[in-house]
Protein backbone atom coordinates (compact mmCIF):
# COMPACT_ATOMS: atom_id res chain seq x y z
CA MET A 1 235.91 159.02 261.07
CA THR A 2 239.31 160.61 261.70
CA PHE A 3 242.51 160.27 259.74
CA LYS A 4 244.34 159.17 262.88
CA HIS A 5 241.95 156.26 263.28
CA LEU A 6 242.49 155.14 259.70
CA LEU A 7 246.24 155.61 260.02
CA ASP A 8 246.43 153.59 263.24
CA MET A 9 244.57 150.73 261.58
CA TRP A 10 246.94 150.84 258.62
CA LYS A 11 249.97 150.73 260.90
CA GLU A 12 248.58 147.78 262.85
CA THR A 13 247.84 145.66 259.78
CA ASN A 14 249.28 144.77 256.41
CA ILE A 15 246.07 145.79 254.68
CA PRO A 16 246.33 148.33 251.84
CA PHE A 17 245.11 151.75 252.94
CA GLU A 18 242.34 151.83 250.37
CA GLU A 19 240.89 148.60 251.77
CA ILE A 20 240.94 149.99 255.29
CA ILE A 21 239.01 153.02 254.07
CA LEU A 22 236.42 150.86 252.30
CA THR A 23 236.04 148.65 255.38
CA GLU A 24 235.54 151.64 257.66
CA GLU A 25 232.96 153.03 255.28
CA MET A 26 231.15 149.69 255.43
CA VAL A 27 231.16 149.85 259.23
CA GLU A 28 229.72 153.38 259.19
CA THR A 29 227.17 152.97 256.40
CA GLY A 30 226.59 149.24 256.09
CA MET A 31 227.38 149.41 252.39
CA ASP A 32 229.25 146.57 250.70
CA PRO A 33 232.87 147.66 249.92
CA THR A 34 232.46 146.25 246.42
CA ILE A 35 229.52 148.55 245.80
CA ILE A 36 231.48 151.52 247.17
CA ARG A 37 234.43 150.76 244.90
CA ASN A 38 232.12 150.39 241.90
CA ASN A 39 230.57 153.76 242.69
CA MET A 40 234.03 155.27 242.84
CA LYS A 41 234.84 153.69 239.48
CA LYS A 42 231.83 155.41 237.93
CA LEU A 43 232.95 158.78 239.25
CA VAL A 44 236.51 158.32 237.98
CA GLU A 45 235.15 157.26 234.60
CA VAL A 46 233.07 160.44 234.34
CA MET A 47 235.99 162.63 235.38
CA LEU A 48 238.35 161.08 232.84
CA THR A 49 235.75 161.11 230.06
CA GLU A 50 234.89 164.77 230.60
CA ALA A 51 238.56 165.71 230.98
CA GLU A 52 239.32 164.15 227.61
CA LYS A 53 236.26 165.65 225.97
CA ASN A 54 236.78 169.19 227.26
CA TYR A 55 240.58 169.41 227.27
CA GLY A 56 241.49 172.87 226.05
CA LYS A 57 238.01 173.50 224.63
CA LYS A 58 236.22 176.86 224.56
CA HIS A 59 233.01 177.14 226.55
CA ASP A 60 230.19 179.66 226.69
CA SER A 61 229.53 180.48 230.31
CA LEU A 62 226.40 182.11 231.69
CA THR A 63 228.04 185.51 232.12
CA GLY A 64 230.84 185.37 229.57
CA LEU A 65 233.38 186.11 232.30
CA THR A 66 235.15 182.85 231.58
CA GLY A 67 235.22 180.14 228.94
CA ASN A 68 238.23 180.95 226.78
CA ASN A 69 241.06 180.39 229.26
CA ALA A 70 241.61 176.70 228.52
CA PRO A 71 242.21 177.30 224.77
CA LYS A 72 244.68 180.05 225.61
CA LEU A 73 246.69 177.71 227.80
CA LEU A 74 246.42 174.87 225.29
CA ASN A 75 247.87 177.07 222.55
CA HIS A 76 250.65 178.31 224.82
CA SER A 77 254.06 176.70 224.92
CA PRO A 78 254.81 176.32 228.65
CA LYS A 79 257.97 177.99 229.88
CA LEU A 80 257.76 177.10 233.55
CA LEU A 81 255.47 174.12 234.12
CA SER A 82 256.56 170.52 233.77
CA GLU A 83 254.63 168.37 231.32
CA PHE A 84 252.67 166.87 234.21
CA ASN A 85 251.84 170.26 235.73
CA TYR A 86 250.87 171.63 232.33
CA VAL A 87 248.42 168.82 231.56
CA ALA A 88 246.97 169.08 235.06
CA THR A 89 246.58 172.85 234.75
CA VAL A 90 244.86 172.69 231.36
CA THR A 91 242.56 169.97 232.70
CA ALA A 92 241.68 171.93 235.82
CA ILE A 93 240.72 175.04 233.86
CA SER A 94 238.90 173.04 231.19
CA THR A 95 236.84 171.18 233.79
CA ALA A 96 236.00 174.31 235.75
CA GLU A 97 234.99 176.17 232.58
CA ASN A 98 232.87 173.21 231.57
CA ASN A 99 231.11 173.55 234.91
CA ALA A 100 230.57 177.28 234.31
CA ALA A 101 228.92 176.35 231.01
CA MET A 102 226.58 173.89 232.79
CA GLY A 103 228.46 170.85 231.48
CA ARG A 104 228.75 167.46 233.20
CA ILE A 105 231.18 167.40 236.12
CA VAL A 106 231.79 165.48 239.34
CA ALA A 107 231.41 167.79 242.34
CA CYS A 108 234.65 166.81 243.99
CA PRO A 109 234.14 167.88 246.68
CA THR A 110 232.01 170.71 245.25
CA ALA A 111 231.13 172.08 241.82
CA GLY A 112 233.26 175.16 242.43
CA ALA A 113 236.30 172.96 243.07
CA CYS A 114 235.49 170.34 240.45
CA GLY A 115 238.68 170.72 238.41
CA VAL A 116 241.39 169.84 240.92
CA VAL A 117 241.06 166.08 241.43
CA PRO A 118 240.26 165.35 237.75
CA ALA A 119 243.36 167.37 236.87
CA ILE A 120 245.72 165.07 238.73
CA LEU A 121 243.91 161.88 237.69
CA TYR A 122 243.98 162.83 234.01
CA ALA A 123 247.62 163.90 234.24
CA LEU A 124 248.51 160.56 235.86
CA LYS A 125 246.75 158.74 233.05
CA THR A 126 248.23 160.89 230.29
CA ILE A 127 251.79 161.35 231.49
CA HIS A 128 252.39 158.26 233.64
CA ASN A 129 250.08 155.84 231.81
CA ALA A 130 248.30 155.09 235.07
CA SER A 131 245.89 152.19 234.92
CA PHE A 132 242.20 152.78 235.60
CA ASN A 133 242.29 150.58 238.71
CA ASP A 134 245.26 152.46 240.14
CA LEU A 135 243.44 155.74 239.58
CA VAL A 136 240.39 154.37 241.37
CA SER A 137 242.57 153.28 244.29
CA SER A 138 244.05 156.76 244.54
CA PHE A 139 240.60 158.30 244.27
CA ILE A 140 239.43 156.22 247.22
CA ILE A 141 242.12 157.89 249.34
CA ALA A 142 241.02 161.28 248.01
CA GLY A 143 237.45 160.41 248.93
CA ALA A 144 238.45 159.58 252.49
CA ILE A 145 240.20 162.93 252.86
CA GLY A 146 237.14 164.76 251.58
CA ASN A 147 234.85 162.71 253.80
CA ILE A 148 236.89 163.54 256.90
CA VAL A 149 236.77 167.27 256.13
CA ALA A 150 233.03 167.10 255.47
CA LYS A 151 232.35 165.31 258.77
CA LYS A 152 234.79 167.17 261.01
CA ALA A 153 234.39 170.61 259.44
CA THR A 154 232.73 171.67 256.18
CA ILE A 155 233.25 171.60 252.43
CA SER A 156 230.84 174.49 251.89
CA GLY A 157 232.11 177.85 250.73
CA ALA A 158 229.09 179.47 252.33
CA ALA A 159 230.00 177.96 255.69
CA GLY A 160 233.79 178.03 255.62
CA GLY A 161 235.06 180.10 252.71
CA CYS A 162 236.86 178.85 249.63
CA GLN A 163 239.43 177.15 251.84
CA ALA A 164 236.71 174.60 252.57
CA GLU A 165 236.11 173.96 248.87
CA ILE A 166 239.31 174.47 246.90
CA GLY A 167 241.46 173.75 249.96
CA THR A 168 239.76 170.41 250.49
CA ALA A 169 240.05 169.60 246.79
CA ALA A 170 243.78 170.30 246.90
CA ALA A 171 244.17 168.10 249.98
CA MET A 172 242.25 165.31 248.27
CA ALA A 173 244.31 165.57 245.09
CA SER A 174 247.60 165.75 246.97
CA ALA A 175 246.78 162.64 248.99
CA ALA A 176 245.70 160.80 245.84
CA LEU A 177 248.95 161.66 244.06
CA THR A 178 250.99 160.61 247.06
CA TYR A 179 249.19 157.29 247.33
CA TYR A 180 249.67 156.53 243.65
CA PHE A 181 253.45 156.83 243.96
CA SER A 182 254.00 155.53 247.50
CA LYS A 183 251.03 153.53 248.83
CA ASP A 184 252.09 155.10 252.14
CA ALA A 185 249.14 156.25 254.25
CA GLU A 186 251.28 158.35 256.56
CA LYS A 187 252.72 160.31 253.66
CA CYS A 188 249.19 160.81 252.32
CA GLY A 189 248.27 162.49 255.59
CA HIS A 190 251.26 164.79 255.40
CA ALA A 191 250.47 165.68 251.78
CA ALA A 192 246.85 166.52 252.60
CA SER A 193 247.92 168.59 255.59
CA LEU A 194 250.50 170.55 253.61
CA ALA A 195 247.96 171.28 250.87
CA LEU A 196 245.16 172.39 253.18
CA LYS A 197 247.52 174.58 255.22
CA SER A 198 248.70 176.24 252.01
CA LEU A 199 245.18 177.43 251.25
CA MET A 200 243.92 178.07 254.77
CA GLY A 201 242.10 181.36 255.13
CA LEU A 202 241.12 181.56 251.46
CA VAL A 203 237.88 183.51 251.15
CA CYS A 204 234.97 182.66 248.89
CA ASP A 205 234.33 185.77 246.80
CA PRO A 206 232.65 184.90 243.49
CA VAL A 207 232.00 187.94 241.35
CA GLY A 208 228.24 188.37 241.08
CA GLY A 209 227.80 185.12 242.99
CA PHE A 210 228.62 183.12 239.86
CA VAL A 211 231.05 180.21 240.06
CA GLU A 212 233.31 181.73 237.43
CA VAL A 213 235.63 184.47 238.71
CA PRO A 214 237.92 183.73 240.51
CA CYS A 215 236.80 180.11 240.89
CA VAL A 216 237.96 178.74 237.52
CA LYS A 217 241.55 179.94 237.82
CA ARG A 218 241.75 178.91 241.47
CA ASN A 219 241.17 175.32 240.34
CA ALA A 220 244.31 175.56 238.22
CA SER A 221 246.36 177.08 241.04
CA ALA A 222 245.09 174.51 243.53
CA ALA A 223 246.04 171.63 241.22
CA ASN A 224 249.61 172.86 241.31
CA VAL A 225 249.48 173.23 245.09
CA ALA A 226 248.42 169.59 245.21
CA ILE A 227 251.31 168.54 242.98
CA THR A 228 253.87 170.53 244.97
CA THR A 229 252.70 169.29 248.36
CA ALA A 230 252.55 165.70 247.13
CA GLU A 231 256.14 165.99 245.91
CA MET A 232 257.19 167.32 249.30
CA ALA A 233 255.46 164.47 251.10
CA LEU A 234 257.00 161.89 248.77
CA ALA A 235 260.42 163.40 249.56
CA GLY A 236 259.82 162.80 253.26
CA ILE A 237 258.80 166.32 254.26
CA GLU A 238 256.26 166.12 257.05
CA SER A 239 253.51 168.37 258.29
CA VAL A 240 254.23 169.34 261.88
CA ILE A 241 250.49 169.54 262.52
CA PRO A 242 248.47 166.30 261.98
CA PHE A 243 245.74 166.32 259.36
CA ASP A 244 242.82 166.08 261.81
CA GLU A 245 244.09 169.14 263.66
CA VAL A 246 244.60 171.04 260.40
CA VAL A 247 240.97 170.32 259.51
CA ASP A 248 239.82 171.56 262.92
CA ALA A 249 241.87 174.73 262.47
CA MET A 250 240.43 175.31 259.01
CA TYR A 251 236.92 174.99 260.41
CA ARG A 252 237.62 177.53 263.15
CA VAL A 253 239.11 179.95 260.63
CA GLY A 254 236.00 179.58 258.48
CA LYS A 255 233.75 180.41 261.41
CA MET A 256 235.79 183.54 262.06
CA MET A 257 235.24 184.83 258.54
CA HIS A 258 232.76 187.64 258.03
CA GLU A 259 229.72 186.46 256.08
CA ASP A 260 230.71 188.74 253.19
CA LEU A 261 233.73 186.46 252.68
CA ARG A 262 231.67 183.30 252.50
CA GLU A 263 230.11 182.97 249.03
CA THR A 264 227.79 185.94 249.27
CA GLY A 265 229.54 187.83 246.47
CA ASN A 266 229.76 190.87 248.77
CA GLY A 267 233.42 190.76 249.78
CA GLY A 268 236.92 190.11 248.52
CA ILE A 269 237.41 190.73 244.80
CA ALA A 270 233.63 190.60 244.35
CA ALA A 271 233.48 193.98 246.08
CA THR A 272 236.01 195.70 243.80
CA PRO A 273 234.86 198.50 241.48
CA THR A 274 235.62 196.43 238.38
CA ALA A 275 233.63 193.47 239.69
CA LYS A 276 230.64 195.65 240.51
CA LYS A 277 230.68 197.21 237.06
CA LEU A 278 230.91 193.78 235.41
CA VAL A 279 227.89 192.56 237.36
CA GLU A 280 225.96 195.71 236.47
CA ASP A 281 226.76 195.23 232.77
CA ILE A 282 225.70 191.56 232.93
CA ARG A 283 222.37 192.49 234.51
CA LYS A 284 221.74 195.11 231.84
CA SER A 285 222.48 192.61 229.08
CA TRP A 286 219.94 190.20 230.53
CA LYS A 287 217.09 192.72 230.51
């Protein structure tokens, strides 16, 4: 499946983009579109339920390196973020910290990037009173973006760096936001491209190999990248490079990365003196 193929079908018909995606998935997998949509509904339900449950809550992570960031942001009066961005940011951190505490999440597309898509869905529900069905429709577009990246490239930090995880999540969220407000498949492609390009080259460097630092805060940053790129796409700003080609470029960049920059915990900020000392202290505390 390529985005160009889906886009060409959308342009040639009057069928809503989400239905084209479900039909193509049926062709590839043989699964009834109704079953696929119902599965997507279950995932959205979990994301919204957990977002509501964990919004701004404190969590106890395995290492103690994270878990209290969401309450800090919740108790902060935002000076720069819009109400939508603020809710999305709190949600992203809350969801990622819930994951670090072994809570229930939807790996979307991965556990390390689990906060981005729920952030925009929960913000749409909270700020724009989005209906559940509209959120599911937008999530179907997000799913297609993630599926294309997974098939053409990778969504694994170990294979392609954090750009493959958090970058894909941002692309998914940006496309979902754009679809909610426009129902325009072409703009969704531009939004996803702009988001993925913004995070291309991002290394995967978890301190101690734990999905905590810098992963949790990257979810918050990526949610705002998704919002910004969606706004640009809705305004008519286009990505010069088509989405399929952006995905191919991301994959090549990932292959060029040294293995230390791909989830090993041996490079990037994981190799800093402070990170090494933190890991040493954690190991001592476990003995």
